[in-house]
Amino acid sequence: MLLHLQTWQEVERYLETSRGIIIPIGSTEQHGPTGLIGTDAICAEVIAKGVGEATGALVAPTLNIGMALHHLAFPGSISLRPTTLIAVIQDFITSLASSGFQQFFFINGHGGNIATLKAAFPQIYAHLADLKFSNADQVRCQVANWFMCREVYELAKQLYGEEEGSHATPSEVAVTQYVYPEAIKEAFLEKEVASGHPIYSAADFRRHYPDGRMGSNPALATPEHGKQLYEVAVKTLSSSYLKFIGE
């Protein structure tokens, strides 16, 4: 169930039986010559919707701008600063907690969001306590990175081996191809692709990763692979969500 397609009365009835909500979060950033700029948000959104359908959970609107400062040397990339993203997440959760939501399950599609999310959660708990919310001590936040789920990782390695890489990966590109087959891109990809360089500034990132890829070969992606990866992610994260709200 998508929150933005409900009425307030429907949400009120939902809260009579569940206090959990799924929040997809991704990024809007370059994904190499064949990856869509919205890849991270697309993957998080479609997987979150699938988990919502499987578990009966409400799914919040997608946070599709993340922490991607290191990609800003590539046209089209958009980023929030970590402090801004923390503030956005805090306001997002505070709004929902004021309605009675207590369990916030973030399905994340972007590695650059992980540290910021983990930093945001303790700040949010303290903020809600300062506001003296009646349910402040019941609020719980958890982040699930779909691409890091063991079952997803194992399938990606089975499909792509070492050519999975760590950015603009064939697994995430495959999921977008499954969701948007009409938007599949083709381009010449150099066989030699950089990997292993630490991430610093945006200019330094582009200098070391000139076409945006990090050790990956997204030419291996197919919509059929995307369907497999999507189904594994939904199954795994549905179990994780149900465990989380049952704690």
C-alpha atoms as a PDB file:
ATOM      1  CA  MET A   1       0.000   0.000   0.000  1.00  0.00           C
ATOM      2  CA  LEU A   2       1.443   3.324  -1.054  1.00  0.00           C
ATOM      3  CA  LEU A   3       0.960   6.096   1.492  1.00  0.00           C
ATOM      4  CA  HIS A   4       0.395   8.749  -1.155  1.00  0.00           C
ATOM      5  CA  LEU A   5      -2.506   6.755  -2.629  1.00  0.00           C
ATOM      6  CA  GLN A   6      -4.354   6.513   0.697  1.00  0.00           C
ATOM      7  CA  THR A   7      -6.688   8.945   2.426  1.00  0.00           C
ATOM      8  CA  TRP A   8      -6.012  10.105   5.975  1.00  0.00           C
ATOM      9  CA  GLN A   9      -8.915   7.952   7.180  1.00  0.00           C
ATOM     10  CA  GLU A  10      -7.327   4.876   5.605  1.00  0.00           C
ATOM     11  CA  VAL A  11      -4.021   5.654   7.303  1.00  0.00           C
ATOM     12  CA  GLU A  12      -5.817   6.092  10.611  1.00  0.00           C
ATOM     13  CA  ARG A  13      -7.400   2.650  10.219  1.00  0.00           C
ATOM     14  CA  TYR A  14      -4.029   1.144   9.277  1.00  0.00           C
ATOM     15  CA  LEU A  15      -2.541   2.474  12.519  1.00  0.00           C
ATOM     16  CA  GLU A  16      -5.131   0.542  14.484  1.00  0.00           C
ATOM     17  CA  THR A  17      -3.372  -2.697  13.490  1.00  0.00           C
ATOM     18  CA  SER A  18       0.196  -1.693  12.626  1.00  0.00           C
ATOM     19  CA  ARG A  19       2.671   1.025  13.562  1.00  0.00           C
ATOM     20  CA  GLY A  20       5.236   0.072  10.951  1.00  0.00           C
ATOM     21  CA  ILE A  21       6.058   1.818   7.682  1.00  0.00           C
ATOM     22  CA  ILE A  22       8.577   1.206   4.908  1.00  0.00           C
ATOM     23  CA  ILE A  23      10.607   4.152   3.606  1.00  0.00           C
ATOM     24  CA  PRO A  24      12.473   3.718   0.303  1.00  0.00           C
ATOM     25  CA  ILE A  25      15.596   5.872   0.037  1.00  0.00           C
ATOM     26  CA  GLY A  26      17.998   6.146  -2.876  1.00  0.00           C
ATOM     27  CA  SER A  27      19.940   8.737  -4.805  1.00  0.00           C
ATOM     28  CA  THR A  28      19.957  10.673  -8.056  1.00  0.00           C
ATOM     29  CA  GLU A  29      23.451  10.250  -9.475  1.00  0.00           C
ATOM     30  CA  GLN A  30      25.436   9.022 -12.442  1.00  0.00           C
ATOM     31  CA  HIS A  31      25.613   5.272 -12.988  1.00  0.00           C
ATOM     32  CA  GLY A  32      28.096   4.968 -15.811  1.00  0.00           C
ATOM     33  CA  PRO A  33      27.424   5.017 -19.562  1.00  0.00           C
ATOM     34  CA  THR A  34      24.438   2.635 -19.431  1.00  0.00           C
ATOM     35  CA  GLY A  35      23.009   3.151 -15.947  1.00  0.00           C
ATOM     36  CA  LEU A  36      20.072   5.480 -15.320  1.00  0.00           C
ATOM     37  CA  ILE A  37      20.729   8.491 -13.100  1.00  0.00           C
ATOM     38  CA  GLY A  38      17.752   7.430 -10.971  1.00  0.00           C
ATOM     39  CA  THR A  39      18.995   3.848 -10.526  1.00  0.00           C
ATOM     40  CA  ASP A  40      19.356   3.888  -6.733  1.00  0.00           C
ATOM     41  CA  ALA A  41      15.952   5.450  -6.147  1.00  0.00           C
ATOM     42  CA  ILE A  42      14.255   3.230  -8.743  1.00  0.00           C
ATOM     43  CA  CYS A  43      15.604   0.043  -7.184  1.00  0.00           C
ATOM     44  CA  ALA A  44      14.722   1.074  -3.628  1.00  0.00           C
ATOM     45  CA  GLU A  45      11.236   2.183  -4.656  1.00  0.00           C
ATOM     46  CA  VAL A  46      10.234  -0.909  -6.629  1.00  0.00           C
ATOM     47  CA  ILE A  47      11.627  -3.306  -4.020  1.00  0.00           C
ATOM     48  CA  ALA A  48       9.928  -1.389  -1.194  1.00  0.00           C
ATOM     49  CA  LYS A  49       6.631  -1.541  -3.087  1.00  0.00           C
ATOM     50  CA  GLY A  50       7.070  -5.297  -3.491  1.00  0.00           C
ATOM     51  CA  VAL A  51       7.772  -5.733   0.218  1.00  0.00           C
ATOM     52  CA  GLY A  52       4.737  -3.624   1.044  1.00  0.00           C
ATOM     53  CA  GLU A  53       2.534  -5.805  -1.146  1.00  0.00           C
ATOM     54  CA  ALA A  54       3.947  -8.985   0.385  1.00  0.00           C
ATOM     55  CA  THR A  55       3.555  -7.860   4.010  1.00  0.00           C
ATOM     56  CA  GLY A  56       0.585  -5.491   3.920  1.00  0.00           C
ATOM     57  CA  ALA A  57       2.795  -2.617   5.043  1.00  0.00           C
ATOM     58  CA  LEU A  58       2.378   1.014   4.115  1.00  0.00           C
ATOM     59  CA  VAL A  59       5.164   2.376   1.899  1.00  0.00           C
ATOM     60  CA  ALA A  60       6.104   6.035   2.233  1.00  0.00           C
ATOM     61  CA  PRO A  61       7.075   8.278  -0.699  1.00  0.00           C
ATOM     62  CA  THR A  62      10.624   7.657  -1.880  1.00  0.00           C
ATOM     63  CA  LEU A  63      13.459   9.847  -0.660  1.00  0.00           C
ATOM     64  CA  ASN A  64      15.164   9.993  -4.043  1.00  0.00           C
ATOM     65  CA  ILE A  65      17.905  12.538  -3.326  1.00  0.00           C
ATOM     66  CA  GLY A  66      20.655  11.159  -1.110  1.00  0.00           C
ATOM     67  CA  MET A  67      24.255  11.847  -0.127  1.00  0.00           C
ATOM     68  CA  ALA A  68      26.132  11.719  -3.449  1.00  0.00           C
ATOM     69  CA  LEU A  69      28.576  14.617  -3.236  1.00  0.00           C
ATOM     70  CA  HIS A  70      31.341  12.528  -4.809  1.00  0.00           C
ATOM     71  CA  HIS A  71      29.329  12.151  -8.027  1.00  0.00           C
ATOM     72  CA  LEU A  72      28.776  15.854  -8.678  1.00  0.00           C
ATOM     73  CA  ALA A  73      31.484  16.065 -11.354  1.00  0.00           C
ATOM     74  CA  PHE A  74      29.088  14.102 -13.594  1.00  0.00           C
ATOM     75  CA  PRO A  75      26.194  16.092 -15.138  1.00  0.00           C
ATOM     76  CA  GLY A  76      22.743  15.323 -13.775  1.00  0.00           C
ATOM     77  CA  SER A  77      23.857  14.136 -10.352  1.00  0.00           C
ATOM     78  CA  ILE A  78      22.102  15.773  -7.396  1.00  0.00           C
ATOM     79  CA  SER A  79      23.163  15.536  -3.757  1.00  0.00           C
ATOM     80  CA  LEU A  80      22.217  16.637  -0.284  1.00  0.00           C
ATOM     81  CA  ARG A  81      24.912  17.339   2.275  1.00  0.00           C
ATOM     82  CA  PRO A  82      24.983  14.772   5.103  1.00  0.00           C
ATOM     83  CA  THR A  83      23.696  17.389   7.545  1.00  0.00           C
ATOM     84  CA  THR A  84      20.835  18.278   5.190  1.00  0.00           C
ATOM     85  CA  LEU A  85      19.904  14.637   4.668  1.00  0.00           C
ATOM     86  CA  ILE A  86      19.888  14.063   8.426  1.00  0.00           C
ATOM     87  CA  ALA A  87      17.538  17.037   8.833  1.00  0.00           C
ATOM     88  CA  VAL A  88      15.247  15.741   6.083  1.00  0.00           C
ATOM     89  CA  ILE A  89      15.097  12.262   7.620  1.00  0.00           C
ATOM     90  CA  GLN A  90      14.459  13.747  11.069  1.00  0.00           C
ATOM     91  CA  ASP A  91      11.545  15.859   9.815  1.00  0.00           C
ATOM     92  CA  PHE A  92      10.194  12.894   7.807  1.00  0.00           C
ATOM     93  CA  ILE A  93      10.144  10.606  10.849  1.00  0.00           C
ATOM     94  CA  THR A  94       8.946  13.304  13.248  1.00  0.00           C
ATOM     95  CA  SER A  95       5.950  13.952  10.999  1.00  0.00           C
ATOM     96  CA  LEU A  96       5.010  10.276  10.842  1.00  0.00           C
ATOM     97  CA  ALA A  97       5.702   9.656  14.530  1.00  0.00           C
ATOM     98  CA  SER A  98       3.287  12.457  15.389  1.00  0.00           C
ATOM     99  CA  SER A  99       0.580  10.351  13.708  1.00  0.00           C
ATOM    100  CA  GLY A 100       1.493   7.269  15.722  1.00  0.00           C
ATOM    101  CA  PHE A 101       3.979   5.429  13.527  1.00  0.00           C
ATOM    102  CA  GLN A 102       6.739   3.802  15.558  1.00  0.00           C
ATOM    103  CA  GLN A 103       8.712   1.394  13.364  1.00  0.00           C
ATOM    104  CA  PHE A 104      10.539   2.897  10.394  1.00  0.00           C
ATOM    105  CA  PHE A 105      12.111   0.409   7.990  1.00  0.00           C
ATOM    106  CA  PHE A 106      14.321   2.105   5.425  1.00  0.00           C
ATOM    107  CA  ILE A 107      15.001   0.168   2.229  1.00  0.00           C
ATOM    108  CA  ASN A 108      18.151   1.793   0.911  1.00  0.00           C
ATOM    109  CA  GLY A 109      19.540   1.675  -2.621  1.00  0.00           C
ATOM    110  CA  HIS A 110      22.677   3.801  -2.224  1.00  0.00           C
ATOM    111  CA  GLY A 111      25.876   3.005  -0.348  1.00  0.00           C
ATOM    112  CA  GLY A 112      26.573   6.680   0.229  1.00  0.00           C
ATOM    113  CA  ASN A 113      23.455   6.959   2.418  1.00  0.00           C
ATOM    114  CA  ILE A 114      24.472   4.319   4.940  1.00  0.00           C
ATOM    115  CA  ALA A 115      26.688   6.389   7.237  1.00  0.00           C
ATOM    116  CA  THR A 116      24.270   9.329   7.184  1.00  0.00           C
ATOM    117  CA  LEU A 117      21.277   7.148   8.035  1.00  0.00           C
ATOM    118  CA  LYS A 118      23.100   5.526  10.934  1.00  0.00           C
ATOM    119  CA  ALA A 119      24.109   8.954  12.220  1.00  0.00           C
ATOM    120  CA  ALA A 120      20.545  10.245  11.861  1.00  0.00           C
ATOM    121  CA  PHE A 121      18.825   7.583  13.953  1.00  0.00           C
ATOM    122  CA  PRO A 122      20.252   8.403  17.432  1.00  0.00           C
ATOM    123  CA  GLN A 123      19.753  12.104  16.778  1.00  0.00           C
ATOM    124  CA  ILE A 124      16.102  11.440  15.923  1.00  0.00           C
ATOM    125  CA  TYR A 125      15.519   9.400  19.091  1.00  0.00           C
ATOM    126  CA  ALA A 126      16.910  12.271  21.173  1.00  0.00           C
ATOM    127  CA  HIS A 127      14.888  14.840  19.198  1.00  0.00           C
ATOM    128  CA  LEU A 128      11.612  12.999  19.785  1.00  0.00           C
ATOM    129  CA  ALA A 129      12.415  12.659  23.475  1.00  0.00           C
ATOM    130  CA  ASP A 130      13.090  16.409  23.672  1.00  0.00           C
ATOM    131  CA  LEU A 131       9.690  17.026  22.064  1.00  0.00           C
ATOM    132  CA  LYS A 132       8.165  14.772  24.755  1.00  0.00           C
ATOM    133  CA  PHE A 133       6.323  12.619  22.215  1.00  0.00           C
ATOM    134  CA  SER A 134       4.186  10.102  24.087  1.00  0.00           C
ATOM    135  CA  ASN A 135       5.586   7.276  21.948  1.00  0.00           C
ATOM    136  CA  ALA A 136       9.175   8.555  21.765  1.00  0.00           C
ATOM    137  CA  ASP A 137      10.645   5.569  23.590  1.00  0.00           C
ATOM    138  CA  GLN A 138       8.830   3.184  21.210  1.00  0.00           C
ATOM    139  CA  VAL A 139      10.267   4.623  17.977  1.00  0.00           C
ATOM    140  CA  ARG A 140      12.658   2.289  16.164  1.00  0.00           C
ATOM    141  CA  CYS A 141      14.543   2.834  12.905  1.00  0.00           C
ATOM    142  CA  GLN A 142      16.339   0.239  10.814  1.00  0.00           C
ATOM    143  CA  VAL A 143      18.110   0.396   7.474  1.00  0.00           C
ATOM    144  CA  ALA A 144      18.153  -2.536   5.055  1.00  0.00           C
ATOM    145  CA  ASN A 145      20.468  -2.157   2.065  1.00  0.00           C
ATOM    146  CA  TRP A 146      18.843  -4.329  -0.591  1.00  0.00           C
ATOM    147  CA  PHE A 147      22.086  -4.848  -2.540  1.00  0.00           C
ATOM    148  CA  MET A 148      23.883  -6.070   0.595  1.00  0.00           C
ATOM    149  CA  CYS A 149      21.356  -8.778   1.498  1.00  0.00           C
ATOM    150  CA  ARG A 150      23.223 -12.085   1.578  1.00  0.00           C
ATOM    151  CA  GLU A 151      20.853 -13.770  -0.874  1.00  0.00           C
ATOM    152  CA  VAL A 152      21.035 -10.859  -3.322  1.00  0.00           C
ATOM    153  CA  TYR A 153      24.824 -10.654  -3.050  1.00  0.00           C
ATOM    154  CA  GLU A 154      25.179 -14.368  -3.682  1.00  0.00           C
ATOM    155  CA  LEU A 155      22.912 -14.222  -6.736  1.00  0.00           C
ATOM    156  CA  ALA A 156      24.816 -11.232  -8.136  1.00  0.00           C
ATOM    157  CA  LYS A 157      28.119 -13.050  -7.704  1.00  0.00           C
ATOM    158  CA  GLN A 158      26.637 -16.131  -9.352  1.00  0.00           C
ATOM    159  CA  LEU A 159      25.445 -14.079 -12.323  1.00  0.00           C
ATOM    160  CA  TYR A 160      28.392 -11.698 -12.722  1.00  0.00           C
ATOM    161  CA  GLY A 161      31.343 -12.900 -10.656  1.00  0.00           C
ATOM    162  CA  GLU A 162      34.022 -10.250 -10.152  1.00  0.00           C
ATOM    163  CA  GLU A 163      32.440  -8.118 -12.881  1.00  0.00           C
ATOM    164  CA  GLU A 164      29.704  -7.107 -10.435  1.00  0.00           C
ATOM    165  CA  GLY A 165      32.016  -4.353  -9.156  1.00  0.00           C
ATOM    166  CA  SER A 166      30.827  -1.793  -6.611  1.00  0.00           C
ATOM    167  CA  HIS A 167      29.146   1.040  -8.546  1.00  0.00           C
ATOM    168  CA  ALA A 168      27.048   1.071 -11.723  1.00  0.00           C
ATOM    169  CA  THR A 169      26.826  -2.655 -11.110  1.00  0.00           C
ATOM    170  CA  PRO A 170      25.088  -5.059 -13.485  1.00  0.00           C
ATOM    171  CA  SER A 171      22.767  -6.140 -10.665  1.00  0.00           C
ATOM    172  CA  GLU A 172      21.319  -2.681 -10.031  1.00  0.00           C
ATOM    173  CA  VAL A 173      21.224  -1.865 -13.745  1.00  0.00           C
ATOM    174  CA  ALA A 174      19.393  -5.161 -14.328  1.00  0.00           C
ATOM    175  CA  VAL A 175      16.685  -4.206 -11.811  1.00  0.00           C
ATOM    176  CA  THR A 176      16.102  -0.894 -13.614  1.00  0.00           C
ATOM    177  CA  GLN A 177      15.927  -2.764 -16.931  1.00  0.00           C
ATOM    178  CA  TYR A 178      13.245  -5.019 -15.448  1.00  0.00           C
ATOM    179  CA  VAL A 179      11.250  -2.020 -14.207  1.00  0.00           C
ATOM    180  CA  TYR A 180      11.801   0.235 -17.239  1.00  0.00           C
ATOM    181  CA  PRO A 181      12.569  -1.948 -20.276  1.00  0.00           C
ATOM    182  CA  GLU A 182      11.769   1.002 -22.525  1.00  0.00           C
ATOM    183  CA  ALA A 183      14.691   2.938 -20.972  1.00  0.00           C
ATOM    184  CA  ILE A 184      17.461   0.372 -21.522  1.00  0.00           C
ATOM    185  CA  LYS A 185      20.640   2.115 -22.649  1.00  0.00           C
ATOM    186  CA  GLU A 186      23.471   0.856 -24.809  1.00  0.00           C
ATOM    187  CA  ALA A 187      26.962   2.315 -25.040  1.00  0.00           C
ATOM    188  CA  PHE A 188      30.526   1.276 -25.690  1.00  0.00           C
ATOM    189  CA  LEU A 189      32.202   0.181 -22.468  1.00  0.00           C
ATOM    190  CA  GLU A 190      35.960  -0.005 -22.079  1.00  0.00           C
ATOM    191  CA  LYS A 191      37.042  -3.475 -20.975  1.00  0.00           C
ATOM    192  CA  GLU A 192      39.501  -2.000 -18.507  1.00  0.00           C
ATOM    193  CA  VAL A 193      37.603  -0.349 -15.660  1.00  0.00           C
ATOM    194  CA  ALA A 194      39.135   1.205 -12.567  1.00  0.00           C
ATOM    195  CA  SER A 195      38.521  -0.071  -9.054  1.00  0.00           C
ATOM    196  CA  GLY A 196      39.981   0.163  -5.590  1.00  0.00           C
ATOM    197  CA  HIS A 197      40.611   3.899  -5.353  1.00  0.00           C
ATOM    198  CA  PRO A 198      39.354   5.587  -2.165  1.00  0.00           C
ATOM    199  CA  ILE A 199      36.522   8.086  -2.525  1.00  0.00           C
ATOM    200  CA  TYR A 200      37.405  11.706  -1.829  1.00  0.00           C
ATOM    201  CA  SER A 201      36.206  14.781  -3.753  1.00  0.00           C
ATOM    202  CA  ALA A 202      33.964  14.798  -6.820  1.00  0.00           C
ATOM    203  CA  ALA A 203      36.834  15.890  -9.083  1.00  0.00           C
ATOM    204  CA  ASP A 204      39.089  13.172  -7.682  1.00  0.00           C
ATOM    205  CA  PHE A 205      36.349  10.567  -8.194  1.00  0.00           C
ATOM    206  CA  ARG A 206      35.914  11.465 -11.858  1.00  0.00           C
ATOM    207  CA  ARG A 207      39.672  11.501 -12.387  1.00  0.00           C
ATOM    208  CA  HIS A 208      40.001   7.926 -11.113  1.00  0.00           C
ATOM    209  CA  TYR A 209      36.663   6.651 -12.483  1.00  0.00           C
ATOM    210  CA  PRO A 210      36.310   8.597 -15.759  1.00  0.00           C
ATOM    211  CA  ASP A 211      33.177   6.840 -17.058  1.00  0.00           C
ATOM    212  CA  GLY A 212      31.579   6.518 -13.613  1.00  0.00           C
ATOM    213  CA  ARG A 213      31.939   2.769 -13.141  1.00  0.00           C
ATOM    214  CA  MET A 214      33.782   1.169 -10.241  1.00  0.00           C
ATOM    215  CA  GLY A 215      35.028  -2.263 -11.306  1.00  0.00           C
ATOM    216  CA  SER A 216      31.702  -3.166 -12.896  1.00  0.00           C
ATOM    217  CA  ASN A 217      30.489  -4.484 -16.239  1.00  0.00           C
ATOM    218  CA  PRO A 218      26.834  -3.406 -16.570  1.00  0.00           C
ATOM    219  CA  ALA A 219      26.787  -4.772 -20.141  1.00  0.00           C
ATOM    220  CA  LEU A 220      26.059  -8.126 -18.480  1.00  0.00           C
ATOM    221  CA  ALA A 221      22.725  -6.889 -17.122  1.00  0.00           C
ATOM    222  CA  THR A 222      19.430  -8.182 -18.532  1.00  0.00           C
ATOM    223  CA  PRO A 223      15.784  -7.588 -17.570  1.00  0.00           C
ATOM    224  CA  GLU A 224      15.522 -11.310 -16.792  1.00  0.00           C
ATOM    225  CA  HIS A 225      18.338 -10.988 -14.258  1.00  0.00           C
ATOM    226  CA  GLY A 226      16.591  -7.940 -12.861  1.00  0.00           C
ATOM    227  CA  LYS A 227      13.428  -9.926 -12.235  1.00  0.00           C
ATOM    228  CA  GLN A 228      15.416 -12.599 -10.394  1.00  0.00           C
ATOM    229  CA  LEU A 229      17.228 -10.044  -8.249  1.00  0.00           C
ATOM    230  CA  TYR A 230      13.986  -8.189  -7.515  1.00  0.00           C
ATOM    231  CA  GLU A 231      12.196 -11.342  -6.397  1.00  0.00           C
ATOM    232  CA  VAL A 232      15.070 -12.420  -4.133  1.00  0.00           C
ATOM    233  CA  ALA A 233      15.297  -8.936  -2.602  1.00  0.00           C
ATOM    234  CA  VAL A 234      11.554  -8.746  -1.945  1.00  0.00           C
ATOM    235  CA  LYS A 235      11.462 -12.190  -0.339  1.00  0.00           C
ATOM    236  CA  THR A 236      14.456 -11.501   1.887  1.00  0.00           C
ATOM    237  CA  LEU A 237      13.413  -8.012   2.947  1.00  0.00           C
ATOM    238  CA  SER A 238       9.823  -9.066   3.589  1.00  0.00           C
ATOM    239  CA  SER A 239      11.137 -11.487   6.212  1.00  0.00           C
ATOM    240  CA  SER A 240      13.397  -8.782   7.640  1.00  0.00           C
ATOM    241  CA  TYR A 241      10.532  -6.287   7.877  1.00  0.00           C
ATOM    242  CA  LEU A 242       8.187  -8.741   9.606  1.00  0.00           C
ATOM    243  CA  LYS A 243      10.927  -9.636  12.081  1.00  0.00           C
ATOM    244  CA  PHE A 244      11.603  -5.946  12.724  1.00  0.00           C
ATOM    245  CA  ILE A 245       7.986  -5.018  13.483  1.00  0.00           C
ATOM    246  CA  GLY A 246       7.622  -8.111  15.649  1.00  0.00           C
ATOM    247  CA  GLU A 247      10.502  -7.187  17.931  1.00  0.00           C
END
